[in-house]
């Protein structure tokens, strides 16, 4: 009897693997939804649409971007977490979503168990940028100014509790600075306020400020990272100033609902690696202030785990206004 059961189990397992493999070979056979949990026009949306277009061309099936903004990305991500795990619903995951989950009074999902990682698409470090009227060009100059001024310096960023806000609070703690965070509804309004000298500093991902930095309209101070950013190689990293234990990145990747067949996630990861290697895609990401990454589902799963652990240990620095 035991031999019979073992034989039946082995046969059933083999048939299941064959079925999944065949499913992966024909995938996708119908339109795929890519949930972007943010409004149209932002960095995540631009990246999602570039990826969706290229996958549509490769697969000869529509990959439809579905914008589901709300609650800092948590609304759309929650919808994706409860979708059918068949490969036809994907979610654009970002660092801000993981950070939002950590801060939520009641966590809507666990990003490490609600999804299967597919691939890390791109990332970029947070960037400290000043209005030239502040007359500081280096981190030591900024620290000296912050300590001698009678009024607190303010710094702008995207939303209370976002990645830029966390980077600023970590810098305050690490360098003994006394600065006030001014939240804006998006990177665009924050950069507009900086250009108008309504706020002397911003801490954002590079996308919204790169053009103005290249045109010498804004002064980059440092990347909140251990190494220099490839798209702004002239800007020192925090590590070069002796702050080697602070690194906050904007990250963007693709995840699928938990239980999606590994044959499907692996196939998508390989397709995404090909897409990210295309010159026109890399050029578009550069314009968006992002560096393409790619890699396997296992690689991205490790990245997400490390990112989430970092946010759990540091998000307590963020407080409501």
Protein backbone atom coordinates (compact mmCIF):
# COMPACT_ATOMS: atom_id res chain seq x y z
CA UNK A 1 0.00 0.00 0.00
CA UNK A 2 2.80 2.40 0.89
CA UNK A 3 4.46 1.73 -2.42
CA UNK A 4 1.17 2.34 -4.21
CA UNK A 5 0.62 5.66 -2.42
CA UNK A 6 4.16 6.75 -3.14
CA UNK A 7 3.68 5.87 -6.78
CA UNK A 8 0.39 7.79 -6.93
CA UNK A 9 1.93 10.82 -5.20
CA UNK A 10 4.89 10.81 -7.56
CA UNK A 11 2.59 10.52 -10.57
CA UNK A 12 0.33 13.30 -9.30
CA UNK A 13 3.32 15.52 -8.60
CA UNK A 14 4.76 14.91 -12.04
CA UNK A 15 1.42 15.70 -13.70
CA UNK A 16 1.10 18.90 -11.64
CA UNK A 17 4.60 20.06 -12.60
CA UNK A 18 3.89 19.26 -16.25
CA UNK A 19 0.65 21.23 -16.07
CA UNK A 20 2.34 24.26 -14.47
CA UNK A 21 5.17 24.11 -17.02
CA UNK A 22 2.69 23.99 -19.90
CA UNK A 23 0.78 26.90 -18.35
CA UNK A 24 3.97 28.92 -18.16
CA UNK A 25 4.80 28.20 -21.79
CA UNK A 26 1.47 29.59 -22.97
CA UNK A 27 1.45 32.49 -20.48
CA UNK A 28 0.10 35.06 -21.02
CA UNK A 29 -2.89 34.00 -23.09
CA UNK A 30 -4.97 37.05 -22.15
CA UNK A 31 -4.45 40.63 -20.91
CA UNK A 32 -2.34 41.18 -17.78
CA UNK A 33 -3.12 43.88 -15.21
CA UNK A 34 -0.26 45.84 -13.66
CA UNK A 35 -1.54 47.67 -10.59
CA UNK A 36 0.33 50.93 -9.99
CA UNK A 37 -0.78 52.09 -6.51
CA UNK A 38 -0.12 55.77 -7.31
CA UNK A 39 -1.66 58.52 -9.48
CA UNK A 40 -0.65 58.94 -13.13
CA UNK A 41 2.42 61.03 -13.89
CA UNK A 42 4.71 60.16 -10.98
CA UNK A 43 7.96 58.24 -11.09
CA UNK A 44 6.32 54.90 -10.31
CA UNK A 45 3.63 55.45 -12.94
CA UNK A 46 6.15 56.40 -15.63
CA UNK A 47 8.22 53.30 -14.90
CA UNK A 48 5.12 51.09 -14.84
CA UNK A 49 3.95 52.35 -18.22
CA UNK A 50 7.36 51.87 -19.84
CA UNK A 51 7.53 48.29 -18.57
CA UNK A 52 3.91 47.56 -19.52
CA UNK A 53 4.39 48.80 -23.07
CA UNK A 54 7.50 46.69 -23.64
CA UNK A 55 5.95 43.54 -22.16
CA UNK A 56 2.85 44.06 -24.32
CA UNK A 57 5.05 44.15 -27.40
CA UNK A 58 6.98 41.03 -26.37
CA UNK A 59 3.94 38.99 -25.35
CA UNK A 60 1.52 40.20 -28.03
CA UNK A 61 -0.94 40.60 -25.18
CA UNK A 62 -1.98 43.87 -23.51
CA UNK A 63 -0.36 44.68 -20.18
CA UNK A 64 -2.78 47.24 -18.78
CA UNK A 65 -1.63 49.76 -16.18
CA UNK A 66 -4.31 50.12 -13.53
CA UNK A 67 -3.75 53.17 -11.32
CA UNK A 68 -5.11 52.52 -7.81
CA UNK A 69 -3.90 55.47 -5.69
CA UNK A 70 -4.72 55.98 -2.05
CA UNK A 71 -3.22 55.72 1.43
CA UNK A 72 0.32 56.22 0.15
CA UNK A 73 0.11 53.20 -2.13
CA UNK A 74 -1.43 50.85 0.44
CA UNK A 75 -4.86 50.80 -1.22
CA UNK A 76 -3.67 49.50 -4.58
CA UNK A 77 -1.17 47.10 -3.01
CA UNK A 78 -3.95 45.65 -0.81
CA UNK A 79 -6.11 45.05 -3.89
CA UNK A 80 -3.19 43.25 -5.53
CA UNK A 81 -2.50 41.16 -2.45
CA UNK A 82 -6.03 39.73 -2.62
CA UNK A 83 -6.04 39.09 -6.38
CA UNK A 84 -6.07 35.61 -7.89
CA UNK A 85 -2.49 34.22 -7.95
CA UNK A 86 -2.48 33.22 -11.60
CA UNK A 87 0.04 35.68 -13.03
CA UNK A 88 -2.58 37.94 -14.56
CA UNK A 89 -2.42 40.52 -11.78
CA UNK A 90 0.92 42.10 -10.94
CA UNK A 91 1.72 44.99 -8.58
CA UNK A 92 4.36 47.69 -8.83
CA UNK A 93 5.91 47.63 -5.35
CA UNK A 94 7.88 50.58 -3.98
CA UNK A 95 9.88 51.40 -0.87
CA UNK A 96 7.19 53.87 0.18
CA UNK A 97 4.61 51.08 0.31
CA UNK A 98 6.78 48.98 2.63
CA UNK A 99 7.42 52.06 4.77
CA UNK A 100 3.70 52.83 4.83
CA UNK A 101 2.88 49.30 6.02
CA UNK A 102 5.33 49.66 8.92
CA UNK A 103 3.66 52.90 10.04
CA UNK A 104 0.03 51.82 9.59
CA UNK A 105 -1.88 51.50 12.91
CA UNK A 106 -3.33 48.26 11.57
CA UNK A 107 -1.15 46.71 8.89
CA UNK A 108 -3.29 45.84 5.84
CA UNK A 109 -0.91 43.09 4.78
CA UNK A 110 2.60 41.79 5.34
CA UNK A 111 4.62 42.61 2.21
CA UNK A 112 6.90 39.63 2.83
CA UNK A 113 4.10 37.05 3.00
CA UNK A 114 1.28 38.58 0.93
CA UNK A 115 3.29 38.59 -2.30
CA UNK A 116 5.73 36.55 -4.33
CA UNK A 117 8.67 38.65 -5.46
CA UNK A 118 9.21 38.85 -9.22
CA UNK A 119 12.00 41.34 -9.95
CA UNK A 120 13.58 44.56 -8.74
CA UNK A 121 13.19 47.02 -11.60
CA UNK A 122 15.08 50.12 -10.52
CA UNK A 123 16.29 52.12 -7.56
CA UNK A 124 17.79 55.48 -6.67
CA UNK A 125 19.07 57.01 -3.41
CA UNK A 126 17.38 59.87 -1.64
CA UNK A 127 19.13 63.14 -2.47
CA UNK A 128 19.67 66.24 -0.30
CA UNK A 129 19.27 69.32 -2.50
CA UNK A 130 19.47 73.02 -1.57
CA UNK A 131 18.40 76.29 -3.09
CA UNK A 132 21.60 78.16 -4.10
CA UNK A 133 20.47 81.12 -1.96
CA UNK A 134 21.20 78.98 1.11
CA UNK A 135 24.89 79.31 0.15
CA UNK A 136 25.89 75.79 1.19
CA UNK A 137 27.51 73.26 -1.13
CA UNK A 138 28.65 70.52 1.24
CA UNK A 139 27.24 68.59 4.17
CA UNK A 140 29.67 70.16 6.70
CA UNK A 141 28.56 73.62 5.53
CA UNK A 142 24.93 72.60 5.98
CA UNK A 143 25.59 71.25 9.47
CA UNK A 144 27.44 74.44 10.46
CA UNK A 145 24.61 76.63 9.17
CA UNK A 146 21.95 74.56 10.90
CA UNK A 147 23.78 74.80 14.22
CA UNK A 148 24.44 78.54 14.14
CA UNK A 149 21.14 79.80 12.76
CA UNK A 150 18.61 81.03 15.30
CA UNK A 151 15.66 79.75 13.30
CA UNK A 152 15.22 76.09 12.51
CA UNK A 153 15.99 75.07 8.93
CA UNK A 154 13.16 73.38 7.11
CA UNK A 155 13.33 70.68 4.48
CA UNK A 156 10.62 69.60 2.08
CA UNK A 157 9.66 66.19 0.80
CA UNK A 158 6.87 64.01 -0.52
CA UNK A 159 4.30 63.30 2.16
CA UNK A 160 4.54 62.91 5.90
CA UNK A 161 6.17 59.58 6.69
CA UNK A 162 7.70 59.05 3.25
CA UNK A 163 11.21 57.90 2.37
CA UNK A 164 12.52 61.48 2.15
CA UNK A 165 11.03 62.27 5.55
CA UNK A 166 12.71 59.18 7.04
CA UNK A 167 16.04 60.12 5.45
CA UNK A 168 15.78 63.61 6.96
CA UNK A 169 14.94 62.32 10.44
CA UNK A 170 17.87 59.89 10.31
CA UNK A 171 20.18 62.74 9.31
CA UNK A 172 18.87 64.88 12.16
CA UNK A 173 19.57 62.12 14.65
CA UNK A 174 22.96 61.17 13.20
CA UNK A 175 24.28 64.73 12.82
CA UNK A 176 22.51 66.44 15.70
CA UNK A 177 20.57 68.76 13.39
CA UNK A 178 17.42 70.66 14.28
CA UNK A 179 15.26 70.80 11.15
CA UNK A 180 11.52 70.87 10.49
CA UNK A 181 9.91 68.70 7.82
CA UNK A 182 7.47 70.37 5.38
CA UNK A 183 5.35 67.75 3.56
CA UNK A 184 4.18 68.32 -0.03
CA UNK A 185 1.63 66.39 -2.06
CA UNK A 186 4.26 65.24 -4.53
CA UNK A 187 7.81 65.71 -5.80
CA UNK A 188 6.66 68.36 -8.30
CA UNK A 189 5.21 70.74 -5.69
CA UNK A 190 8.23 70.18 -3.41
CA UNK A 191 10.68 71.09 -6.18
CA UNK A 192 8.57 74.10 -7.17
CA UNK A 193 8.70 75.32 -3.56
CA UNK A 194 12.47 74.81 -3.49
CA UNK A 195 12.98 76.75 -6.72
CA UNK A 196 10.82 79.56 -5.34
CA UNK A 197 12.88 79.61 -2.13
CA UNK A 198 9.80 78.80 -0.08
CA UNK A 199 11.82 75.99 1.50
CA UNK A 200 15.66 75.94 1.58
CA UNK A 201 16.13 72.17 1.24
CA UNK A 202 14.40 69.08 -0.07
CA UNK A 203 15.16 65.39 0.35
CA UNK A 204 13.73 63.49 -2.60
CA UNK A 205 14.62 60.80 -5.08
CA UNK A 206 16.65 62.36 -7.94
CA UNK A 207 13.96 62.28 -10.64
CA UNK A 208 12.39 65.66 -9.90
CA UNK A 209 15.63 67.58 -9.37
CA UNK A 210 18.15 66.18 -11.88
CA UNK A 211 17.33 68.62 -14.69
CA UNK A 212 17.68 71.64 -12.37
CA UNK A 213 20.94 70.31 -10.93
CA UNK A 214 22.39 69.90 -14.42
CA UNK A 215 21.35 73.48 -15.22
CA UNK A 216 22.91 74.78 -11.94
CA UNK A 217 19.56 76.01 -10.67
CA UNK A 218 19.75 73.75 -7.62
CA UNK A 219 22.68 72.67 -5.43
CA UNK A 220 23.06 68.96 -4.61
CA UNK A 221 24.55 68.35 -1.17
CA UNK A 222 24.78 64.56 -0.88
CA UNK A 223 23.14 61.27 -1.74
CA UNK A 224 21.71 59.41 1.26
CA UNK A 225 23.75 56.35 0.41
CA UNK A 226 27.02 54.50 0.91
CA UNK A 227 28.16 55.02 -2.69
CA UNK A 228 27.77 57.78 -5.26
CA UNK A 229 24.75 57.64 -7.56
CA UNK A 230 25.66 56.59 -11.11
CA UNK A 231 23.47 59.27 -12.71
CA UNK A 232 24.97 62.07 -10.57
CA UNK A 233 28.58 60.93 -10.13
CA UNK A 234 29.74 64.40 -9.11
CA UNK A 235 27.58 64.37 -5.94
CA UNK A 236 29.28 62.94 -2.80
CA UNK A 237 27.59 60.21 -0.79
CA UNK A 238 26.93 60.48 2.94
CA UNK A 239 29.54 57.79 3.50
CA UNK A 240 32.19 60.13 2.10
CA UNK A 241 31.29 62.56 4.87
CA UNK A 242 31.65 59.85 7.47
CA UNK A 243 27.96 58.94 7.74
CA UNK A 244 28.19 55.35 6.57
CA UNK A 245 25.25 53.92 8.51
CA UNK A 246 22.46 55.89 6.81
CA UNK A 247 21.12 54.75 3.44
CA UNK A 248 17.60 55.26 2.12
CA UNK A 249 16.66 54.29 -1.44
CA UNK A 250 13.60 54.74 -3.58
CA UNK A 251 13.05 51.25 -4.96
CA UNK A 252 10.63 49.93 -7.57
CA UNK A 253 9.85 46.31 -8.33
CA UNK A 254 7.19 43.88 -9.50
CA UNK A 255 5.42 41.45 -7.17
CA UNK A 256 2.58 38.96 -7.67
CA UNK A 257 -0.09 37.69 -5.25
CA UNK A 258 1.19 34.94 -2.96
CA UNK A 259 0.85 31.51 -4.54
CA UNK A 260 1.57 32.56 -8.13
CA UNK A 261 3.35 29.60 -9.80
CA UNK A 262 7.12 30.01 -9.67
CA UNK A 263 7.33 29.07 -13.34
CA UNK A 264 5.31 32.22 -14.08
CA UNK A 265 7.26 34.59 -11.80
CA UNK A 266 10.56 33.28 -13.16
CA UNK A 267 9.37 33.75 -16.73
CA UNK A 268 8.26 37.32 -16.02
CA UNK A 269 11.59 38.08 -14.28
CA UNK A 270 13.53 36.93 -17.35
CA UNK A 271 11.31 39.01 -19.64
CA UNK A 272 11.80 42.05 -17.40
CA UNK A 273 15.58 41.59 -17.45
CA UNK A 274 15.45 41.69 -21.26
CA UNK A 275 13.24 44.79 -21.22
CA UNK A 276 15.50 46.60 -18.73
CA UNK A 277 18.52 45.97 -20.98
CA UNK A 278 16.95 47.84 -23.91
CA UNK A 279 18.76 51.15 -24.64
CA UNK A 280 15.54 53.16 -24.98
CA UNK A 281 14.24 51.82 -21.66
CA UNK A 282 17.49 52.66 -19.87
CA UNK A 283 17.38 56.15 -21.39
CA UNK A 284 13.81 56.64 -20.19
CA UNK A 285 14.73 55.47 -16.70
CA UNK A 286 17.70 57.85 -16.67
CA UNK A 287 15.34 60.72 -17.49
CA UNK A 288 13.20 59.49 -14.60
CA UNK A 289 16.19 59.54 -12.22
CA UNK A 290 16.30 55.75 -11.88
CA UNK A 291 18.94 53.08 -12.52
CA UNK A 292 17.74 49.76 -13.94
CA UNK A 293 18.49 46.68 -11.83
CA UNK A 294 16.69 43.46 -12.80
CA UNK A 295 17.49 40.03 -11.38
CA UNK A 296 15.75 36.89 -10.17
CA UNK A 297 12.70 36.54 -7.88
CA UNK A 298 15.08 35.25 -5.19
CA UNK A 299 17.25 38.35 -5.49
CA UNK A 300 14.25 40.65 -5.10
CA UNK A 301 12.84 38.65 -2.18
CA UNK A 302 16.12 39.16 -0.29
CA UNK A 303 16.11 42.87 -1.14
CA UNK A 304 12.52 43.30 0.10
CA UNK A 305 13.29 41.49 3.35
CA UNK A 306 16.32 43.70 4.04
CA UNK A 307 14.40 46.88 3.13
CA UNK A 308 11.46 45.96 5.35
CA UNK A 309 13.75 45.13 8.26
CA UNK A 310 15.45 48.51 7.89
CA UNK A 311 12.13 50.35 7.91
CA UNK A 312 10.86 48.44 10.95
CA UNK A 313 13.94 49.50 12.89
CA UNK A 314 13.87 53.17 11.87
CA UNK A 315 10.25 54.17 11.19
CA UNK A 316 9.78 55.05 14.87
CA UNK A 317 11.59 58.32 14.10
CA UNK A 318 8.61 59.46 12.07
CA UNK A 319 5.85 61.25 13.93
CA UNK A 320 2.62 62.87 12.88
CA UNK A 321 2.70 66.66 12.41
